[in-house]
Amino acid sequence: MITEIGIVAGEIWHYLDQHGEVALVVLVKGIDKPRDNVLMSLGWLAREGHVILQQVEGDYRVSLRKDG
């Protein structure tokens, strides 16, 4: 399971790099993996400080953290 979470985390990274900030529901559809896997992978990325999650009007927006 840890391997799958890592693979999906990589897919999330690439998706966000190509599409910029997106709604969580759009990310889940765009990754086309089980929602639970996307959420676990997103949590991993958030914990590591690689993504930014913002609650906006009852939904979540997700983007890559751009340090530079």
N, C-alpha and C. Protein backbone atom coordinates (compact mmCIF):
# COMPACT_ATOMS: atom_id res chain seq x y z
N MET A 1 0.82 -1.20 0.00
CA MET A 1 0.00 0.00 0.00
C MET A 1 0.86 1.26 0.00
N ILE A 2 1.96 1.25 0.73
CA ILE A 2 2.86 2.40 0.77
C ILE A 2 3.38 2.72 -0.63
N THR A 3 3.70 1.69 -1.40
CA THR A 3 4.18 1.90 -2.77
C THR A 3 3.12 2.58 -3.61
N GLU A 4 1.87 2.13 -3.50
CA GLU A 4 0.77 2.72 -4.26
C GLU A 4 0.57 4.19 -3.87
N ILE A 5 0.66 4.49 -2.58
CA ILE A 5 0.52 5.88 -2.13
C ILE A 5 1.63 6.74 -2.75
N GLY A 6 2.83 6.23 -2.80
CA GLY A 6 3.93 6.97 -3.41
C GLY A 6 3.74 7.19 -4.90
N ILE A 7 3.24 6.18 -5.59
CA ILE A 7 2.98 6.30 -7.03
C ILE A 7 1.91 7.35 -7.29
N VAL A 8 0.82 7.30 -6.52
CA VAL A 8 -0.26 8.27 -6.69
C VAL A 8 0.21 9.67 -6.31
N ALA A 9 1.06 9.78 -5.30
CA ALA A 9 1.62 11.09 -4.93
C ALA A 9 2.39 11.68 -6.10
N GLY A 10 3.13 10.86 -6.81
CA GLY A 10 3.85 11.33 -7.99
C GLY A 10 2.89 11.78 -9.08
N GLU A 11 1.81 11.06 -9.26
CA GLU A 11 0.80 11.45 -10.26
C GLU A 11 0.15 12.77 -9.88
N ILE A 12 -0.12 12.96 -8.59
CA ILE A 12 -0.69 14.23 -8.12
C ILE A 12 0.29 15.37 -8.41
N TRP A 13 1.55 15.17 -8.09
CA TRP A 13 2.57 16.19 -8.32
C TRP A 13 2.57 16.61 -9.79
N HIS A 14 2.62 15.63 -10.69
CA HIS A 14 2.66 15.93 -12.12
C HIS A 14 1.38 16.61 -12.59
N TYR A 15 0.25 16.17 -12.09
CA TYR A 15 -1.04 16.78 -12.46
C TYR A 15 -1.07 18.25 -12.04
N LEU A 16 -0.68 18.53 -10.82
CA LEU A 16 -0.68 19.90 -10.33
C LEU A 16 0.35 20.76 -11.05
N ASP A 17 1.48 20.19 -11.41
CA ASP A 17 2.50 20.91 -12.15
C ASP A 17 1.98 21.34 -13.52
N GLN A 18 1.15 20.49 -14.14
CA GLN A 18 0.60 20.78 -15.46
C GLN A 18 -0.63 21.69 -15.40
N HIS A 19 -1.46 21.54 -14.36
CA HIS A 19 -2.75 22.22 -14.31
C HIS A 19 -2.82 23.38 -13.32
N GLY A 20 -1.84 23.52 -12.46
CA GLY A 20 -1.89 24.57 -11.45
C GLY A 20 -2.89 24.23 -10.36
N GLU A 21 -3.40 25.25 -9.69
CA GLU A 21 -4.34 25.06 -8.59
C GLU A 21 -5.67 24.50 -9.11
N VAL A 22 -6.17 23.46 -8.45
CA VAL A 22 -7.44 22.84 -8.84
C VAL A 22 -8.27 22.53 -7.61
N ALA A 23 -9.56 22.34 -7.82
CA ALA A 23 -10.45 21.88 -6.76
C ALA A 23 -10.14 20.40 -6.49
N LEU A 24 -10.35 19.99 -5.26
CA LEU A 24 -10.10 18.60 -4.88
C LEU A 24 -10.88 17.63 -5.76
N VAL A 25 -12.14 17.93 -6.04
CA VAL A 25 -12.95 17.03 -6.86
C VAL A 25 -12.37 16.90 -8.27
N VAL A 26 -11.82 17.97 -8.79
CA VAL A 26 -11.19 17.94 -10.12
C VAL A 26 -9.92 17.09 -10.08
N LEU A 27 -9.16 17.23 -9.01
CA LEU A 27 -7.94 16.44 -8.86
C LEU A 27 -8.26 14.95 -8.81
N VAL A 28 -9.25 14.58 -8.02
CA VAL A 28 -9.63 13.17 -7.90
C VAL A 28 -10.04 12.60 -9.26
N LYS A 29 -10.83 13.35 -10.01
CA LYS A 29 -11.24 12.89 -11.35
C LYS A 29 -10.06 12.85 -12.31
N GLY A 30 -9.17 13.83 -12.21
CA GLY A 30 -8.03 13.91 -13.12
C GLY A 30 -7.01 12.82 -12.90
N ILE A 31 -6.85 12.38 -11.66
CA ILE A 31 -5.89 11.32 -11.34
C ILE A 31 -6.45 9.95 -11.71
N ASP A 32 -7.76 9.80 -11.63
CA ASP A 32 -8.43 8.54 -12.00
C ASP A 32 -7.91 7.34 -11.20
N LYS A 33 -7.78 7.55 -9.91
CA LYS A 33 -7.45 6.49 -8.96
C LYS A 33 -8.52 6.53 -7.88
N PRO A 34 -8.64 5.47 -7.07
CA PRO A 34 -9.64 5.51 -6.00
C PRO A 34 -9.45 6.75 -5.11
N ARG A 35 -10.57 7.38 -4.75
CA ARG A 35 -10.55 8.61 -3.95
C ARG A 35 -9.72 8.44 -2.67
N ASP A 36 -9.86 7.30 -2.00
CA ASP A 36 -9.10 7.07 -0.77
C ASP A 36 -7.60 7.13 -1.02
N ASN A 37 -7.15 6.56 -2.13
CA ASN A 37 -5.72 6.58 -2.46
C ASN A 37 -5.25 8.01 -2.73
N VAL A 38 -6.07 8.78 -3.44
CA VAL A 38 -5.72 10.17 -3.71
C VAL A 38 -5.63 10.95 -2.41
N LEU A 39 -6.57 10.75 -1.51
CA LEU A 39 -6.56 11.48 -0.24
C LEU A 39 -5.35 11.11 0.61
N MET A 40 -5.02 9.82 0.66
CA MET A 40 -3.84 9.40 1.44
C MET A 40 -2.57 9.99 0.85
N SER A 41 -2.47 9.98 -0.46
CA SER A 41 -1.28 10.52 -1.13
C SER A 41 -1.21 12.03 -0.96
N LEU A 42 -2.34 12.69 -1.02
CA LEU A 42 -2.38 14.13 -0.83
C LEU A 42 -1.98 14.49 0.61
N GLY A 43 -2.41 13.69 1.57
CA GLY A 43 -2.00 13.89 2.95
C GLY A 43 -0.50 13.76 3.12
N TRP A 44 0.07 12.80 2.45
CA TRP A 44 1.52 12.60 2.50
C TRP A 44 2.23 13.83 1.94
N LEU A 45 1.78 14.29 0.76
CA LEU A 45 2.39 15.46 0.14
C LEU A 45 2.23 16.70 1.02
N ALA A 46 1.07 16.84 1.65
CA ALA A 46 0.82 17.99 2.53
C ALA A 46 1.73 17.92 3.75
N ARG A 47 1.86 16.77 4.34
CA ARG A 47 2.70 16.59 5.53
C ARG A 47 4.16 16.90 5.22
N GLU A 48 4.59 16.55 4.01
CA GLU A 48 5.96 16.82 3.59
C GLU A 48 6.16 18.27 3.14
N GLY A 49 5.06 19.03 3.06
CA GLY A 49 5.15 20.44 2.69
C GLY A 49 5.22 20.70 1.19
N HIS A 50 4.80 19.73 0.38
CA HIS A 50 4.89 19.87 -1.07
C HIS A 50 3.65 20.47 -1.71
N VAL A 51 2.52 20.43 -1.01
CA VAL A 51 1.29 21.00 -1.55
C VAL A 51 0.66 21.94 -0.54
N ILE A 52 -0.18 22.82 -1.06
CA ILE A 52 -0.94 23.74 -0.22
C ILE A 52 -2.41 23.39 -0.39
N LEU A 53 -3.10 23.22 0.72
CA LEU A 53 -4.54 22.95 0.73
C LEU A 53 -5.24 24.15 1.34
N GLN A 54 -6.25 24.67 0.64
CA GLN A 54 -7.01 25.80 1.14
C GLN A 54 -8.49 25.46 1.06
N GLN A 55 -9.22 25.75 2.14
CA GLN A 55 -10.66 25.56 2.11
C GLN A 55 -11.30 26.84 1.58
N VAL A 56 -12.07 26.69 0.50
CA VAL A 56 -12.71 27.83 -0.15
C VAL A 56 -14.18 27.47 -0.39
N GLU A 57 -15.05 28.18 0.31
CA GLU A 57 -16.50 28.02 0.14
C GLU A 57 -16.94 26.56 0.21
N GLY A 58 -16.50 25.86 1.23
CA GLY A 58 -16.93 24.49 1.47
C GLY A 58 -16.23 23.44 0.63
N ASP A 59 -15.28 23.86 -0.20
CA ASP A 59 -14.51 22.93 -1.02
C ASP A 59 -13.04 23.14 -0.70
N TYR A 60 -12.19 22.29 -1.21
CA TYR A 60 -10.76 22.44 -1.02
C TYR A 60 -10.10 22.71 -2.36
N ARG A 61 -9.12 23.60 -2.34
CA ARG A 61 -8.28 23.90 -3.50
C ARG A 61 -6.90 23.35 -3.19
N VAL A 62 -6.26 22.78 -4.19
CA VAL A 62 -4.95 22.14 -4.01
C VAL A 62 -3.98 22.74 -5.02
N SER A 63 -2.78 23.06 -4.55
CA SER A 63 -1.73 23.55 -5.45
C SER A 63 -0.37 23.10 -4.94
N LEU A 64 0.59 23.12 -5.84
CA LEU A 64 1.98 22.83 -5.44
C LEU A 64 2.54 24.02 -4.69
N ARG A 65 3.36 23.75 -3.72
CA ARG A 65 4.07 24.81 -3.01
C ARG A 65 5.24 25.21 -3.90
N LYS A 66 5.30 26.47 -4.25
CA LYS A 66 6.38 26.99 -5.10
C LYS A 66 7.31 27.83 -4.25
N ASP A 67 8.39 27.23 -3.80
CA ASP A 67 9.39 27.98 -3.02
C ASP A 67 10.47 28.44 -3.98
N GLY A 68 10.87 29.64 -3.82
CA GLY A 68 11.91 30.08 -4.72
C GLY A 68 12.25 31.44 -4.47
